[in-house]
């Protein structure tokens, strides 16, 4: 998966995929061949964190 560089676009794409296609962040990362730690770090730098309960970043 080619991830957008812009953190807001990245947030939007990831949350859309989590909402529409994947039940967990781990499932998304496996299916899309994305490094979970890198993804979480990039979004954390922009002030977002993953909520397992809600299955989204906010």
N, C-alpha and C. Protein backbone atom coordinates (compact mmCIF):
# COMPACT_ATOMS: atom_id res chain seq x y z
N UNK A 1 0.85 -1.17 0.00
CA UNK A 1 0.00 0.00 0.00
C UNK A 1 0.89 1.23 0.00
N UNK A 2 0.67 2.13 -0.91
CA UNK A 2 1.38 3.40 -0.92
C UNK A 2 0.66 4.35 0.02
N UNK A 3 1.35 4.74 1.08
CA UNK A 3 0.75 5.62 2.07
C UNK A 3 1.03 7.08 1.74
N UNK A 4 0.04 7.93 1.90
CA UNK A 4 0.26 9.36 1.67
C UNK A 4 1.27 9.92 2.67
N UNK A 5 2.04 10.89 2.26
CA UNK A 5 2.99 11.55 3.14
C UNK A 5 2.31 12.53 4.08
N UNK A 6 1.28 13.20 3.60
CA UNK A 6 0.55 14.17 4.41
C UNK A 6 -0.18 13.43 5.54
N UNK A 7 0.03 13.84 6.80
CA UNK A 7 -0.56 13.11 7.92
C UNK A 7 -2.09 13.11 7.94
N UNK A 8 -2.72 14.17 7.48
CA UNK A 8 -4.18 14.21 7.46
C UNK A 8 -4.72 13.27 6.40
N UNK A 9 -4.08 13.24 5.24
CA UNK A 9 -4.48 12.30 4.20
C UNK A 9 -4.23 10.86 4.66
N UNK A 10 -3.11 10.64 5.32
CA UNK A 10 -2.78 9.32 5.86
C UNK A 10 -3.86 8.88 6.85
N UNK A 11 -4.22 9.76 7.75
CA UNK A 11 -5.27 9.47 8.73
C UNK A 11 -6.57 9.08 8.02
N UNK A 12 -6.93 9.84 7.03
CA UNK A 12 -8.17 9.59 6.29
C UNK A 12 -8.16 8.24 5.59
N UNK A 13 -7.08 7.93 4.91
CA UNK A 13 -6.98 6.66 4.17
C UNK A 13 -7.01 5.48 5.14
N UNK A 14 -6.22 5.56 6.19
CA UNK A 14 -6.15 4.44 7.14
C UNK A 14 -7.49 4.23 7.84
N UNK A 15 -8.11 5.30 8.30
CA UNK A 15 -9.40 5.15 8.98
C UNK A 15 -10.48 4.63 8.04
N UNK A 16 -10.46 5.04 6.78
CA UNK A 16 -11.43 4.54 5.81
C UNK A 16 -11.24 3.03 5.62
N UNK A 17 -9.99 2.60 5.49
CA UNK A 17 -9.73 1.17 5.31
C UNK A 17 -10.13 0.39 6.55
N UNK A 18 -9.85 0.94 7.73
CA UNK A 18 -10.25 0.27 8.97
C UNK A 18 -11.77 0.18 9.06
N UNK A 19 -12.44 1.22 8.70
CA UNK A 19 -13.91 1.25 8.76
C UNK A 19 -14.54 0.28 7.75
N UNK A 20 -14.02 0.27 6.53
CA UNK A 20 -14.68 -0.46 5.45
C UNK A 20 -14.17 -1.88 5.19
N UNK A 21 -12.93 -2.16 5.58
CA UNK A 21 -12.34 -3.43 5.16
C UNK A 21 -11.71 -4.28 6.26
N UNK A 22 -11.25 -3.68 7.34
CA UNK A 22 -10.46 -4.44 8.31
C UNK A 22 -10.99 -4.26 9.73
N UNK A 23 -11.05 -5.37 10.47
CA UNK A 23 -11.58 -5.37 11.83
C UNK A 23 -10.55 -4.88 12.85
N UNK A 24 -9.26 -4.93 12.49
CA UNK A 24 -8.21 -4.49 13.41
C UNK A 24 -7.08 -3.84 12.62
N UNK A 25 -6.26 -3.09 13.34
CA UNK A 25 -5.08 -2.48 12.72
C UNK A 25 -4.09 -3.56 12.28
N UNK A 26 -3.94 -4.60 13.07
CA UNK A 26 -3.03 -5.69 12.69
C UNK A 26 -3.46 -6.35 11.39
N UNK A 27 -4.75 -6.53 11.22
CA UNK A 27 -5.27 -7.13 9.99
C UNK A 27 -4.97 -6.23 8.79
N UNK A 28 -5.18 -4.93 8.94
CA UNK A 28 -4.87 -3.98 7.87
C UNK A 28 -3.39 -4.05 7.52
N UNK A 29 -2.54 -4.03 8.52
CA UNK A 29 -1.09 -4.01 8.28
C UNK A 29 -0.62 -5.28 7.59
N UNK A 30 -1.16 -6.42 7.99
CA UNK A 30 -0.79 -7.69 7.33
C UNK A 30 -1.26 -7.69 5.88
N UNK A 31 -2.50 -7.35 5.66
CA UNK A 31 -3.08 -7.42 4.32
C UNK A 31 -2.46 -6.40 3.36
N UNK A 32 -2.14 -5.23 3.87
CA UNK A 32 -1.61 -4.15 3.03
C UNK A 32 -0.09 -4.06 3.05
N UNK A 33 0.56 -4.99 3.77
CA UNK A 33 2.02 -5.01 3.90
C UNK A 33 2.56 -3.67 4.40
N UNK A 34 2.02 -3.24 5.54
CA UNK A 34 2.41 -1.97 6.16
C UNK A 34 3.04 -2.28 7.51
N UNK A 35 4.12 -1.61 7.83
CA UNK A 35 4.77 -1.76 9.13
C UNK A 35 3.94 -1.01 10.18
N UNK A 36 3.37 -1.75 11.12
CA UNK A 36 2.48 -1.15 12.13
C UNK A 36 3.19 -0.07 12.95
N UNK A 37 4.41 -0.37 13.40
CA UNK A 37 5.14 0.60 14.24
C UNK A 37 5.39 1.90 13.48
N UNK A 38 5.78 1.78 12.22
CA UNK A 38 6.03 2.97 11.40
C UNK A 38 4.75 3.77 11.20
N UNK A 39 3.67 3.09 10.90
CA UNK A 39 2.39 3.76 10.70
C UNK A 39 1.95 4.49 11.98
N UNK A 40 2.02 3.80 13.10
CA UNK A 40 1.62 4.42 14.38
C UNK A 40 2.52 5.60 14.73
N UNK A 41 3.81 5.49 14.46
CA UNK A 41 4.73 6.58 14.73
C UNK A 41 4.42 7.80 13.87
N UNK A 42 4.18 7.56 12.59
CA UNK A 42 3.86 8.69 11.69
C UNK A 42 2.60 9.40 12.13
N UNK A 43 1.59 8.66 12.54
CA UNK A 43 0.35 9.29 12.98
C UNK A 43 0.50 9.90 14.37
N UNK A 44 1.31 9.30 15.23
CA UNK A 44 1.55 9.86 16.57
C UNK A 44 2.25 11.21 16.46
N UNK A 45 3.16 11.33 15.52
CA UNK A 45 3.85 12.62 15.32
C UNK A 45 2.88 13.73 14.95
N UNK A 46 1.75 13.35 14.36
CA UNK A 46 0.72 14.33 13.98
C UNK A 46 -0.34 14.48 15.08
N UNK A 47 -0.16 13.75 16.19
CA UNK A 47 -1.07 13.89 17.32
C UNK A 47 -2.19 12.87 17.39
N UNK A 48 -2.09 11.80 16.60
CA UNK A 48 -3.16 10.80 16.57
C UNK A 48 -2.69 9.50 17.20
N UNK A 49 -3.61 8.79 17.84
CA UNK A 49 -3.30 7.48 18.37
C UNK A 49 -4.41 6.52 18.02
N UNK A 50 -4.06 5.23 17.99
CA UNK A 50 -5.02 4.20 17.61
C UNK A 50 -5.84 3.77 18.81
N UNK A 51 -7.14 3.65 18.61
CA UNK A 51 -8.06 3.13 19.61
C UNK A 51 -8.53 1.75 19.15
N UNK A 52 -8.11 0.70 19.88
CA UNK A 52 -8.57 -0.64 19.53
C UNK A 52 -10.08 -0.76 19.70
N UNK A 53 -10.60 -0.13 20.74
CA UNK A 53 -12.02 -0.18 21.02
C UNK A 53 -12.86 0.36 19.88
N UNK A 54 -12.38 1.45 19.27
CA UNK A 54 -13.10 2.11 18.17
C UNK A 54 -12.57 1.73 16.79
N UNK A 55 -11.45 1.01 16.76
CA UNK A 55 -10.80 0.61 15.51
C UNK A 55 -10.57 1.80 14.59
N UNK A 56 -9.98 2.84 15.14
CA UNK A 56 -9.62 4.01 14.35
C UNK A 56 -8.57 4.83 15.07
N UNK A 57 -7.93 5.69 14.29
CA UNK A 57 -7.00 6.66 14.86
C UNK A 57 -7.78 7.94 15.14
N UNK A 58 -7.43 8.56 16.26
CA UNK A 58 -7.98 9.89 16.57
C UNK A 58 -7.09 10.64 17.47
